[in-house]
Amino acid sequence: MKTIYLCLFFLVGLIVKTFAIEDTLQLNKLQNRAFKSGEHLQYKVYYTASILYVPAGEVTFDATLEKYNEKICWHFKGAGKTYKTYDWFFKVKDLYESYVDTMNMLPIKFLRDVHEGGYKLYHNVTFKQEQHLAISTKGVYKVPEGIQDIMSAVFSIRNIDCSNLKIGQKVPFKIFIDDEIWPVYVKYAGKEKVKTKVGTVNCIKFIPYLIQGALFKGGEGMRIWISDDANRIPIRVESEVSVGYVRADLCDMQNLRNPFTSKIK
């Protein structure tokens, strides 16, 4: 994905492309135990072209329970923007929203409104999961069972049981984005400690395979660390971009569902 926000699975976002899909886990069979209504996560995004990382923008994720089409659904929202002092280099102002079935974590509605440099896009998708259809701004598309959008995938991934994953094992799923179906994965890369402004945190490390875009390079140039506790919060993301590197660090968290036990100091 192009945007700093999205590749935060981003975080994410997490638009990744696979060479070999291993049918080991399915996101549509997961139950939510990682977050609750009212959760708010905030990240500071840094950029460097040498050694010093400079604050460039921020990203927020919110999860709420709301009524959509007379049904209580998860409403996931992700917003990313660059600071005004950084807009001259590459201005980003993105908004992603998803309404998701609470029973199976599958998307019902997806909205995408992005402004990245000179690139602008508005995308509106309605999912008919039982009919295996995605109705977008540009047409009607046949999609496979269990199809995800970006935001539903971000929050679903947090509920994966990592206890039995082996180093190098891929977790596959399918995403509908830009009117295309992408078989994607994240690769399990073990556990590490990460120091951030919220403290030192025991983390689980993943590596996505990125599709090359205007900002991000393709390949395995990104690293994602999530908290090694029941919340599975993304703690840090680092990635190569077209010029230099970006890093996103968790700087604030509110209304977590579970104790933040991965913090060690």
Protein backbone atom coordinates (compact mmCIF):
# COMPACT_ATOMS: atom_id res chain seq x y z
CA MET A 1 0.00 0.00 0.00
CA LYS A 2 1.13 3.51 -0.62
CA THR A 3 0.22 5.20 2.59
CA ILE A 4 2.20 5.29 5.81
CA TYR A 5 -1.06 4.69 7.65
CA LEU A 6 -2.10 1.59 5.81
CA CYS A 7 1.09 -0.30 6.11
CA LEU A 8 0.75 -0.13 9.83
CA PHE A 9 -0.83 -3.62 9.10
CA PHE A 10 -0.17 -0.29 7.54
CA LEU A 11 -0.12 -1.69 10.47
CA VAL A 12 -2.05 -1.15 7.99
CA GLY A 13 -2.63 -1.98 6.74
CA LEU A 14 -0.75 -4.47 5.32
CA ILE A 15 -1.18 -4.84 1.64
CA VAL A 16 0.98 -7.81 0.96
CA LYS A 17 1.40 -10.26 -1.91
CA THR A 18 2.20 -13.92 -1.58
CA PHE A 19 4.23 -16.34 -3.63
CA ALA A 20 3.06 -19.43 -1.70
CA ILE A 21 -0.17 -19.62 0.30
CA GLU A 22 -0.31 -22.09 3.19
CA ASP A 23 -3.87 -22.92 4.26
CA THR A 24 -3.25 -22.87 8.00
CA LEU A 25 -5.55 -20.18 9.42
CA GLN A 26 -8.74 -18.46 8.32
CA LEU A 27 -9.60 -15.00 9.61
CA ASN A 28 -13.35 -15.52 9.21
CA LYS A 29 -13.28 -18.31 11.83
CA LEU A 30 -11.78 -16.15 14.58
CA GLN A 31 -13.65 -14.77 17.60
CA ASN A 32 -12.73 -11.40 19.02
CA ARG A 33 -10.87 -11.52 22.33
CA ALA A 34 -8.37 -8.73 21.64
CA PHE A 35 -10.30 -5.44 21.74
CA LYS A 36 -13.50 -3.80 22.96
CA SER A 37 -15.70 -0.89 21.97
CA GLY A 38 -14.00 2.42 22.72
CA GLU A 39 -10.43 1.25 22.10
CA HIS A 40 -8.20 4.03 20.77
CA LEU A 41 -4.63 3.61 19.57
CA GLN A 42 -2.38 6.45 18.46
CA TYR A 43 0.98 6.27 16.68
CA LYS A 44 3.68 8.77 15.85
CA VAL A 45 5.26 8.32 12.44
CA TYR A 46 8.94 9.12 11.86
CA TYR A 47 10.96 9.46 8.68
CA THR A 48 14.67 9.27 7.99
CA ALA A 49 16.90 9.46 4.94
CA SER A 50 20.09 9.01 7.00
CA ILE A 51 20.42 8.30 10.75
CA LEU A 52 18.14 10.76 12.56
CA TYR A 53 14.42 9.94 12.65
CA VAL A 54 12.24 13.08 12.29
CA PRO A 55 8.54 13.18 13.37
CA ALA A 56 6.48 13.25 10.17
CA GLY A 57 2.87 12.47 11.10
CA GLU A 58 0.44 10.42 13.15
CA VAL A 59 -1.96 7.51 12.79
CA THR A 60 -4.99 6.59 14.89
CA PHE A 61 -7.13 3.44 15.11
CA ASP A 62 -10.57 3.33 16.76
CA ALA A 63 -13.01 0.48 17.39
CA THR A 64 -16.65 1.08 18.37
CA LEU A 65 -19.89 -0.86 18.35
CA GLU A 66 -22.48 0.97 16.25
CA LYS A 67 -25.73 0.27 14.42
CA TYR A 68 -25.46 -0.09 10.65
CA ASN A 69 -28.50 -1.09 8.57
CA GLU A 70 -30.37 -1.87 11.80
CA LYS A 71 -27.66 -4.27 12.93
CA ILE A 72 -25.03 -3.80 15.67
CA CYS A 73 -21.64 -3.96 13.98
CA TRP A 74 -18.03 -3.18 14.67
CA HIS A 75 -17.06 0.19 13.25
CA PHE A 76 -13.31 0.31 12.66
CA LYS A 77 -11.72 3.61 11.72
CA GLY A 78 -8.14 4.38 10.77
CA ALA A 79 -6.87 7.89 10.04
CA GLY A 80 -3.39 8.98 9.01
CA LYS A 81 -1.96 12.42 8.34
CA THR A 82 1.39 14.14 8.01
CA TYR A 83 2.27 17.13 10.17
CA LYS A 84 1.98 20.53 8.46
CA THR A 85 5.75 21.02 8.72
CA TYR A 86 6.17 17.83 6.66
CA ASP A 87 3.45 18.37 4.04
CA TRP A 88 5.90 19.98 1.63
CA PHE A 89 7.69 16.64 1.23
CA PHE A 90 4.79 14.19 0.91
CA LYS A 91 1.39 15.23 2.25
CA VAL A 92 -0.81 12.40 3.52
CA LYS A 93 -4.40 12.64 4.77
CA ASP A 94 -6.12 9.26 4.69
CA LEU A 95 -9.30 7.85 6.19
CA TYR A 96 -10.32 4.18 6.20
CA GLU A 97 -13.57 2.88 7.69
CA SER A 98 -15.08 -0.58 7.89
CA TYR A 99 -18.35 -1.93 9.27
CA VAL A 100 -17.88 -5.55 10.31
CA ASP A 101 -20.18 -8.37 11.40
CA THR A 102 -19.59 -9.08 15.09
CA MET A 103 -20.33 -12.79 14.64
CA ASN A 104 -17.72 -13.67 12.02
CA MET A 105 -15.47 -10.56 11.73
CA LEU A 106 -16.30 -10.22 8.03
CA PRO A 107 -16.80 -6.79 6.44
CA ILE A 108 -20.18 -5.39 5.41
CA LYS A 109 -19.13 -1.92 4.24
CA PHE A 110 -15.71 -0.40 3.47
CA LEU A 111 -14.92 3.26 2.83
CA ARG A 112 -11.58 4.65 1.71
CA ASP A 113 -10.80 8.34 1.26
CA VAL A 114 -7.10 8.97 0.60
CA HIS A 115 -4.97 11.98 -0.27
CA GLU A 116 -1.30 11.09 -0.76
CA GLY A 117 0.89 13.65 -2.47
CA GLY A 118 -0.98 14.45 -5.68
CA TYR A 119 -2.93 11.16 -5.54
CA LYS A 120 -6.60 11.18 -4.47
CA LEU A 121 -9.08 8.32 -4.29
CA TYR A 122 -12.55 7.68 -2.85
CA HIS A 123 -13.67 4.07 -2.74
CA ASN A 124 -16.97 2.69 -1.41
CA VAL A 125 -17.54 -1.07 -1.21
CA THR A 126 -20.58 -3.03 0.02
CA PHE A 127 -19.95 -6.71 0.74
CA LYS A 128 -22.64 -9.35 0.25
CA GLN A 129 -20.86 -12.19 2.05
CA GLU A 130 -23.55 -14.84 1.54
CA GLN A 131 -23.71 -14.09 -2.20
CA HIS A 132 -19.89 -13.79 -2.42
CA LEU A 133 -20.16 -10.32 -3.98
CA ALA A 134 -18.39 -6.99 -3.56
CA ILE A 135 -20.26 -3.98 -4.95
CA SER A 136 -17.85 -1.08 -5.38
CA THR A 137 -17.89 2.41 -6.80
CA LYS A 138 -16.89 0.96 -10.18
CA GLY A 139 -18.80 -2.32 -10.44
CA VAL A 140 -19.90 -5.68 -9.03
CA TYR A 141 -17.26 -8.35 -8.39
CA LYS A 142 -17.38 -12.03 -7.45
CA VAL A 143 -15.29 -12.65 -4.32
CA PRO A 144 -14.31 -15.81 -2.40
CA GLU A 145 -15.73 -16.89 0.93
CA GLY A 146 -14.23 -15.04 3.88
CA ILE A 147 -13.05 -12.01 1.89
CA GLN A 148 -11.64 -9.16 4.01
CA ASP A 149 -11.10 -5.47 3.54
CA ILE A 150 -8.02 -3.77 4.97
CA MET A 151 -9.53 -2.59 8.26
CA SER A 152 -11.38 -5.84 8.99
CA ALA A 153 -8.13 -7.73 8.34
CA VAL A 154 -6.16 -5.44 10.66
CA PHE A 155 -8.47 -6.14 13.59
CA SER A 156 -9.04 -9.81 12.75
CA ILE A 157 -5.30 -10.52 12.64
CA ARG A 158 -5.05 -9.38 16.26
CA ASN A 159 -7.07 -12.44 17.27
CA ILE A 160 -4.75 -15.03 15.73
CA ASP A 161 -3.33 -17.56 18.19
CA CYS A 162 0.44 -17.27 17.70
CA SER A 163 1.38 -19.90 20.28
CA ASN A 164 1.83 -22.70 17.74
CA LEU A 165 3.33 -20.69 14.87
CA LYS A 166 6.82 -21.64 13.70
CA ILE A 167 9.50 -19.22 12.52
CA GLY A 168 8.90 -18.50 8.84
CA GLN A 169 5.31 -19.77 8.86
CA LYS A 170 2.87 -17.71 6.78
CA VAL A 171 -0.64 -16.70 7.85
CA PRO A 172 -2.71 -16.35 4.65
CA PHE A 173 -5.95 -14.52 3.91
CA LYS A 174 -7.61 -12.65 1.02
CA ILE A 175 -8.27 -8.91 0.72
CA PHE A 176 -10.47 -6.98 -1.70
CA ILE A 177 -8.76 -3.67 -2.56
CA ASP A 178 -8.89 -1.42 -5.63
CA ASP A 179 -11.46 -3.77 -7.16
CA GLU A 180 -9.04 -6.69 -7.05
CA ILE A 181 -8.69 -9.81 -4.89
CA TRP A 182 -5.26 -10.28 -3.35
CA PRO A 183 -4.11 -13.54 -1.73
CA VAL A 184 -1.87 -12.17 1.02
CA TYR A 185 0.13 -13.22 4.05
CA VAL A 186 2.12 -12.13 7.06
CA LYS A 187 5.14 -14.23 8.06
CA TYR A 188 5.87 -15.09 11.69
CA ALA A 189 9.40 -14.01 12.66
CA GLY A 190 9.62 -14.86 16.37
CA LYS A 191 9.66 -12.66 19.47
CA GLU A 192 11.63 -9.55 20.45
CA LYS A 193 11.68 -6.76 23.03
CA VAL A 194 10.93 -3.26 21.72
CA LYS A 195 11.63 0.06 23.48
CA THR A 196 9.08 2.82 22.85
CA LYS A 197 7.60 5.82 24.66
CA VAL A 198 5.01 3.55 26.28
CA GLY A 199 7.83 1.43 27.73
CA THR A 200 9.75 -1.75 26.88
CA VAL A 201 7.34 -4.32 25.48
CA ASN A 202 7.57 -8.05 24.76
CA CYS A 203 6.50 -8.36 21.13
CA ILE A 204 5.64 -10.85 18.42
CA LYS A 205 7.33 -10.00 15.12
CA PHE A 206 5.75 -10.33 11.67
CA ILE A 207 7.02 -9.66 8.16
CA PRO A 208 4.51 -8.82 5.41
CA TYR A 209 5.31 -9.07 1.72
CA LEU A 210 4.53 -5.62 0.30
CA ILE A 211 3.16 -4.77 -3.11
CA GLN A 212 5.26 -2.02 -4.63
CA GLY A 213 3.53 1.37 -4.72
CA ALA A 214 4.27 5.08 -5.02
CA LEU A 215 5.73 5.25 -1.51
CA PHE A 216 6.58 1.73 -0.36
CA LYS A 217 9.01 -0.65 -2.00
CA GLY A 218 7.88 -4.15 -2.80
CA GLY A 219 9.29 -7.21 -1.02
CA GLU A 220 9.97 -8.00 2.61
CA GLY A 221 11.28 -4.60 3.62
CA MET A 222 8.80 -4.09 6.46
CA ARG A 223 8.79 -5.32 10.07
CA ILE A 224 5.78 -5.26 12.41
CA TRP A 225 5.89 -5.86 16.17
CA ILE A 226 2.67 -6.53 18.13
CA SER A 227 2.30 -6.88 21.89
CA ASP A 228 2.77 -10.41 23.20
CA ASP A 229 -0.38 -10.37 25.32
CA ALA A 230 -4.12 -10.82 24.81
CA ASN A 231 -4.52 -7.33 23.27
CA ARG A 232 -2.15 -7.97 20.33
CA ILE A 233 -1.59 -4.22 19.90
CA PRO A 234 0.71 -3.12 17.07
CA ILE A 235 3.67 -1.53 18.91
CA ARG A 236 6.07 -0.61 16.11
CA VAL A 237 6.29 -0.73 12.32
CA GLU A 238 9.45 -0.09 10.31
CA SER A 239 9.70 -0.03 6.54
CA GLU A 240 11.83 1.00 3.62
CA VAL A 241 10.18 3.60 1.38
CA SER A 242 11.12 4.99 -2.01
CA VAL A 243 13.62 7.33 -0.34
CA GLY A 244 14.74 6.42 3.20
CA TYR A 245 12.75 4.69 5.95
CA VAL A 246 9.61 5.23 8.01
CA ARG A 247 8.85 4.05 11.52
CA ALA A 248 5.58 4.19 13.45
CA ASP A 249 5.60 3.85 17.25
CA LEU A 250 2.66 3.49 19.62
CA CYS A 251 2.42 6.65 21.73
CA ASP A 252 -1.04 6.39 23.34
CA MET A 253 -3.61 3.68 24.07
CA GLN A 254 -7.03 3.91 25.71
CA ASN A 255 -9.77 1.48 26.74
CA LEU A 256 -7.89 -1.77 26.20
CA ARG A 257 -9.88 -4.95 26.63
CA ASN A 258 -7.16 -6.87 28.48
CA PRO A 259 -4.31 -5.99 30.88
CA PHE A 260 -1.20 -4.70 29.10
CA THR A 261 0.95 -7.51 30.49
CA SER A 262 3.53 -7.42 27.69
CA LYS A 263 5.01 -4.21 29.11
CA ILE A 264 8.03 -5.17 31.19
CA LYS A 265 9.24 -1.69 32.24
